[in-house]
Amino acid sequence: MNNNSFNEILDFNANNILRTEPALDEAEKMLIREAGSTVHYPKGHIIFATGDISDRVYLIESGWVKIYRLSADGRRVTVGSIRSPGEMMGLAETLAGAERTCFAGAINDVSMVVMTKSKFEELMAQHSMLAIKVAKLLGARMREAEAIIHEMVCWQAPGRLAMMLIKMGERMGVQSKGGIKINLQLTHEEIANMVGTSRQTVTSLLNTFKQEKSIVYEGRAIRIINPDKLAKWVI
């Protein structure tokens, strides 16, 4: 399947399920790099936690970060998308001056630029286009949150899991002749927390997707080999 075909599948219900977040351009990233400092976090590190003071924002340079909350029984429930290289995080609570309501955890080794709230506000005051980009970004994330609520309420677990794989393939997958490889190496428990179901259900559904030749396993990585079949679970 070529890239155009895959993109058509991703766009089949874009108003509700496809995440289209405004991306910072290289000049905007450079402004943030010059005003902040680069830090490195190892896999599994908690970058910020619920109750922390929201006094800084982050630009991810490499690695992936998951945003999650803890349920009453201690499960890590992902609330929002995985943040990937080139994205900012920690924006809304920092600009609102509120305490953190979520955890941010490094999925793998992460490098990022950290900037204080005061420096960031000063930067936006000096560069209006950056401020507009941040406003658009927060608007896009609000729409994404609304779409996730819609998915949880209206879709069964197979559709939610299939859509998550499609989104991850679009955002962080590596395209090749053999398909789109998702190399985050998430556990079935972590995937279950992202789509609001049990680990056993995720294992069963992934095996179903494998049997119908939508995906293949490559160690703990997943390769999407037939997005058309996978998308049928969502429609």
Protein backbone atom coordinates (compact mmCIF):
# COMPACT_ATOMS: atom_id res chain seq x y z
CA MET A 1 0.00 0.00 0.00
CA ASN A 2 1.38 3.43 -0.91
CA ASN A 3 1.48 6.51 1.31
CA ASN A 4 -1.50 8.12 -0.44
CA SER A 5 -3.71 5.11 0.28
CA PHE A 6 -2.68 5.08 3.93
CA ASN A 7 -3.36 8.82 4.26
CA GLU A 8 -6.82 8.36 2.72
CA ILE A 9 -7.62 5.80 5.43
CA LEU A 10 -6.40 8.18 8.11
CA ASP A 11 -8.67 10.92 6.72
CA PHE A 12 -11.85 8.85 6.48
CA ASN A 13 -13.40 10.49 9.57
CA ALA A 14 -11.05 13.37 10.20
CA ASN A 15 -13.62 15.59 11.91
CA ASN A 16 -13.79 13.24 14.90
CA ILE A 17 -10.77 10.97 15.09
CA LEU A 18 -7.70 12.25 13.29
CA ARG A 19 -5.42 14.42 15.33
CA THR A 20 -4.11 17.41 13.40
CA GLU A 21 -1.92 19.34 15.79
CA PRO A 22 -0.20 22.52 14.55
CA ALA A 23 3.53 21.84 14.49
CA LEU A 24 6.22 24.29 15.55
CA ASP A 25 8.53 25.26 12.71
CA GLU A 26 12.31 25.17 13.10
CA ALA A 27 12.55 28.91 13.83
CA GLU A 28 10.01 28.61 16.66
CA LYS A 29 11.83 25.62 18.12
CA MET A 30 15.08 27.56 18.00
CA LEU A 31 13.53 30.41 20.00
CA ILE A 32 12.54 27.92 22.70
CA ARG A 33 15.96 26.24 22.69
CA GLU A 34 17.69 29.58 23.18
CA ALA A 35 15.39 30.56 26.06
CA GLY A 36 15.41 27.16 27.82
CA SER A 37 17.82 24.46 28.86
CA THR A 38 18.20 20.89 27.59
CA VAL A 39 17.63 18.02 30.01
CA HIS A 40 17.66 14.24 29.62
CA TYR A 41 15.38 11.74 31.34
CA PRO A 42 15.81 7.93 31.35
CA LYS A 43 13.08 5.48 30.40
CA GLY A 44 10.43 5.29 33.12
CA HIS A 45 11.29 8.64 34.71
CA ILE A 46 8.38 10.73 36.00
CA ILE A 47 8.87 14.17 34.45
CA PHE A 48 6.06 15.76 36.42
CA ALA A 49 3.33 14.42 38.69
CA THR A 50 -0.17 15.24 39.88
CA GLY A 51 -0.04 18.07 42.41
CA ASP A 52 3.23 19.54 41.15
CA ILE A 53 3.47 23.28 40.64
CA SER A 54 3.01 24.10 36.95
CA ASP A 55 5.91 26.47 36.45
CA ARG A 56 7.53 25.24 33.23
CA VAL A 57 6.85 24.00 29.71
CA TYR A 58 8.66 21.38 27.67
CA LEU A 59 9.72 20.87 24.05
CA ILE A 60 10.49 17.24 23.28
CA GLU A 61 13.61 16.80 21.17
CA SER A 62 13.80 12.99 21.15
CA GLY A 63 11.87 10.13 22.74
CA TRP A 64 8.20 9.77 23.65
CA VAL A 65 6.22 10.76 26.74
CA LYS A 66 2.85 9.46 27.94
CA ILE A 67 0.39 11.63 29.85
CA TYR A 68 -1.67 9.66 32.36
CA ARG A 69 -3.62 9.67 35.60
CA LEU A 70 -3.90 7.04 38.33
CA SER A 71 -7.25 5.33 38.78
CA ALA A 72 -8.68 4.48 42.20
CA ASP A 73 -7.18 0.99 41.97
CA GLY A 74 -3.75 2.31 40.99
CA ARG A 75 -3.90 1.70 37.23
CA ARG A 76 -2.15 4.18 34.94
CA VAL A 77 -4.88 5.49 32.65
CA THR A 78 -3.59 7.38 29.62
CA VAL A 79 -5.49 10.65 29.17
CA GLY A 80 -4.51 12.18 25.87
CA SER A 81 -2.04 11.26 23.23
CA ILE A 82 1.54 10.19 23.57
CA ARG A 83 3.74 13.25 23.11
CA SER A 84 6.41 12.81 20.45
CA PRO A 85 9.54 14.63 19.20
CA GLY A 86 8.86 18.22 18.12
CA GLU A 87 5.83 18.59 20.40
CA MET A 88 5.39 20.79 23.44
CA MET A 89 3.80 19.61 26.67
CA GLY A 90 2.77 21.05 30.02
CA LEU A 91 1.24 24.09 28.34
CA ALA A 92 -2.35 24.40 29.57
CA GLU A 93 -1.77 24.07 33.31
CA THR A 94 1.35 26.24 33.20
CA LEU A 95 -0.39 29.09 31.37
CA ALA A 96 -3.43 28.76 33.66
CA GLY A 97 -1.26 28.79 36.78
CA ALA A 98 -2.86 25.57 38.02
CA GLU A 99 -1.36 22.50 39.67
CA ARG A 100 -0.61 19.47 37.51
CA THR A 101 -3.55 17.08 37.27
CA CYS A 102 -1.66 14.38 35.35
CA PHE A 103 1.61 12.49 35.34
CA ALA A 104 4.10 12.66 32.47
CA GLY A 105 6.29 9.57 32.13
CA ALA A 106 9.16 8.84 29.76
CA ILE A 107 8.32 5.83 27.57
CA ASN A 108 11.95 5.60 26.50
CA ASP A 109 15.02 7.79 26.97
CA VAL A 110 13.88 11.37 26.45
CA SER A 111 15.69 14.62 25.66
CA MET A 112 13.79 17.89 25.96
CA VAL A 113 14.11 21.62 26.35
CA VAL A 114 12.69 22.95 29.62
CA MET A 115 11.64 26.59 29.94
CA THR A 116 10.20 28.47 32.91
CA LYS A 117 6.72 29.94 32.74
CA SER A 118 8.03 33.51 32.94
CA LYS A 119 10.50 32.96 30.09
CA PHE A 120 7.80 31.35 27.95
CA GLU A 121 5.32 34.16 28.53
CA GLU A 122 8.04 36.69 27.72
CA LEU A 123 8.83 34.80 24.52
CA MET A 124 5.18 34.78 23.42
CA ALA A 125 4.88 38.51 24.16
CA GLN A 126 7.86 39.18 21.91
CA HIS A 127 6.83 36.79 19.11
CA SER A 128 3.13 37.03 18.34
CA MET A 129 3.23 34.20 15.78
CA LEU A 130 4.49 31.83 18.47
CA ALA A 131 1.62 32.91 20.75
CA ILE A 132 -0.87 32.25 17.92
CA LYS A 133 0.69 28.84 17.30
CA VAL A 134 0.34 27.94 21.00
CA ALA A 135 -3.32 29.04 20.98
CA LYS A 136 -3.97 26.85 17.92
CA LEU A 137 -2.14 23.97 19.57
CA LEU A 138 -4.27 24.17 22.71
CA GLY A 139 -7.40 24.35 20.56
CA ALA A 140 -6.35 21.24 18.64
CA ARG A 141 -5.74 19.37 21.87
CA MET A 142 -9.18 20.34 23.15
CA ARG A 143 -10.69 18.90 19.99
CA GLU A 144 -8.62 15.78 20.45
CA ALA A 145 -9.87 15.37 24.02
CA GLU A 146 -13.45 15.68 22.79
CA ALA A 147 -12.77 13.06 20.11
CA ILE A 148 -11.32 10.67 22.70
CA ILE A 149 -14.45 11.06 24.84
CA HIS A 150 -16.55 10.32 21.75
CA GLU A 151 -14.52 7.18 21.03
CA MET A 152 -14.84 5.91 24.60
CA VAL A 153 -18.60 6.45 24.67
CA CYS A 154 -19.57 5.38 21.15
CA TRP A 155 -17.02 2.78 20.03
CA GLN A 156 -16.43 -0.75 21.22
CA ALA A 157 -12.95 -1.88 22.26
CA PRO A 158 -11.99 -3.26 18.79
CA GLY A 159 -12.63 0.10 17.14
CA ARG A 160 -10.78 2.03 19.84
CA LEU A 161 -7.75 -0.25 19.58
CA ALA A 162 -7.72 -0.20 15.77
CA MET A 163 -7.95 3.59 15.74
CA MET A 164 -5.14 3.90 18.27
CA LEU A 165 -2.89 1.77 16.06
CA ILE A 166 -3.81 3.82 12.98
CA LYS A 167 -3.07 7.08 14.79
CA MET A 168 0.23 5.79 16.13
CA GLY A 169 1.19 4.55 12.67
CA GLU A 170 0.50 7.99 11.22
CA ARG A 171 2.29 9.94 13.95
CA MET A 172 5.29 7.81 14.85
CA GLY A 173 5.34 4.81 12.53
CA VAL A 174 8.20 4.05 10.15
CA GLN A 175 7.00 3.45 6.58
CA SER A 176 8.56 0.66 4.51
CA LYS A 177 7.55 -1.78 1.80
CA GLY A 178 6.46 -4.20 4.51
CA GLY A 179 4.06 -1.75 6.13
CA ILE A 180 4.17 0.81 8.94
CA LYS A 181 6.25 -0.21 11.95
CA ILE A 182 5.30 1.11 15.41
CA ASN A 183 8.39 0.64 17.54
CA LEU A 184 7.30 2.03 20.93
CA GLN A 185 7.29 -1.50 22.40
CA LEU A 186 4.36 -0.86 24.73
CA THR A 187 3.13 -3.67 26.94
CA HIS A 188 -0.42 -4.96 26.48
CA GLU A 189 -1.23 -3.45 29.89
CA GLU A 190 -0.06 -0.02 28.71
CA ILE A 191 -2.09 -0.32 25.51
CA ALA A 192 -5.14 -1.36 27.54
CA ASN A 193 -4.79 1.77 29.68
CA MET A 194 -4.72 3.88 26.51
CA VAL A 195 -7.95 2.49 25.04
CA GLY A 196 -9.94 1.92 28.23
CA THR A 197 -10.15 -1.85 28.35
CA SER A 198 -8.44 -4.84 29.99
CA ARG A 199 -5.07 -6.38 29.18
CA GLN A 200 -6.79 -9.66 28.31
CA THR A 201 -9.06 -7.91 25.80
CA VAL A 202 -6.10 -6.16 24.15
CA THR A 203 -4.20 -9.45 23.85
CA SER A 204 -7.24 -11.14 22.30
CA LEU A 205 -7.90 -8.28 19.86
CA LEU A 206 -4.26 -8.01 18.76
CA ASN A 207 -4.29 -11.75 18.06
CA THR A 208 -7.46 -11.24 16.00
CA PHE A 209 -5.81 -8.43 14.02
CA LYS A 210 -2.81 -10.69 13.50
CA GLN A 211 -4.96 -13.62 12.30
CA GLU A 212 -6.75 -11.44 9.78
CA LYS A 213 -3.32 -10.20 8.61
CA SER A 214 -3.86 -6.57 9.55
CA ILE A 215 -0.74 -6.53 11.72
CA VAL A 216 2.30 -8.65 12.54
CA TYR A 217 4.43 -8.75 15.65
CA GLU A 218 8.13 -7.99 15.47
CA GLY A 219 9.26 -8.66 19.00
CA ARG A 220 7.26 -6.15 21.05
CA ALA A 221 6.96 -3.83 18.06
CA ILE A 222 3.87 -3.92 15.82
CA ARG A 223 3.85 -3.55 12.05
CA ILE A 224 0.62 -2.53 10.31
CA ILE A 225 0.58 -4.49 7.06
CA ASN A 226 -3.02 -3.90 5.96
CA PRO A 227 -4.48 -0.56 7.14
CA ASP A 228 -7.63 -1.19 5.06
CA LYS A 229 -8.62 -4.19 7.18
CA LEU A 230 -7.70 -2.41 10.37
CA ALA A 231 -9.82 0.62 9.44
CA LYS A 232 -12.91 -1.56 8.95
CA TRP A 233 -13.03 -2.06 12.72
CA VAL A 234 -13.49 1.70 13.13
CA ILE A 235 -16.12 2.46 10.49
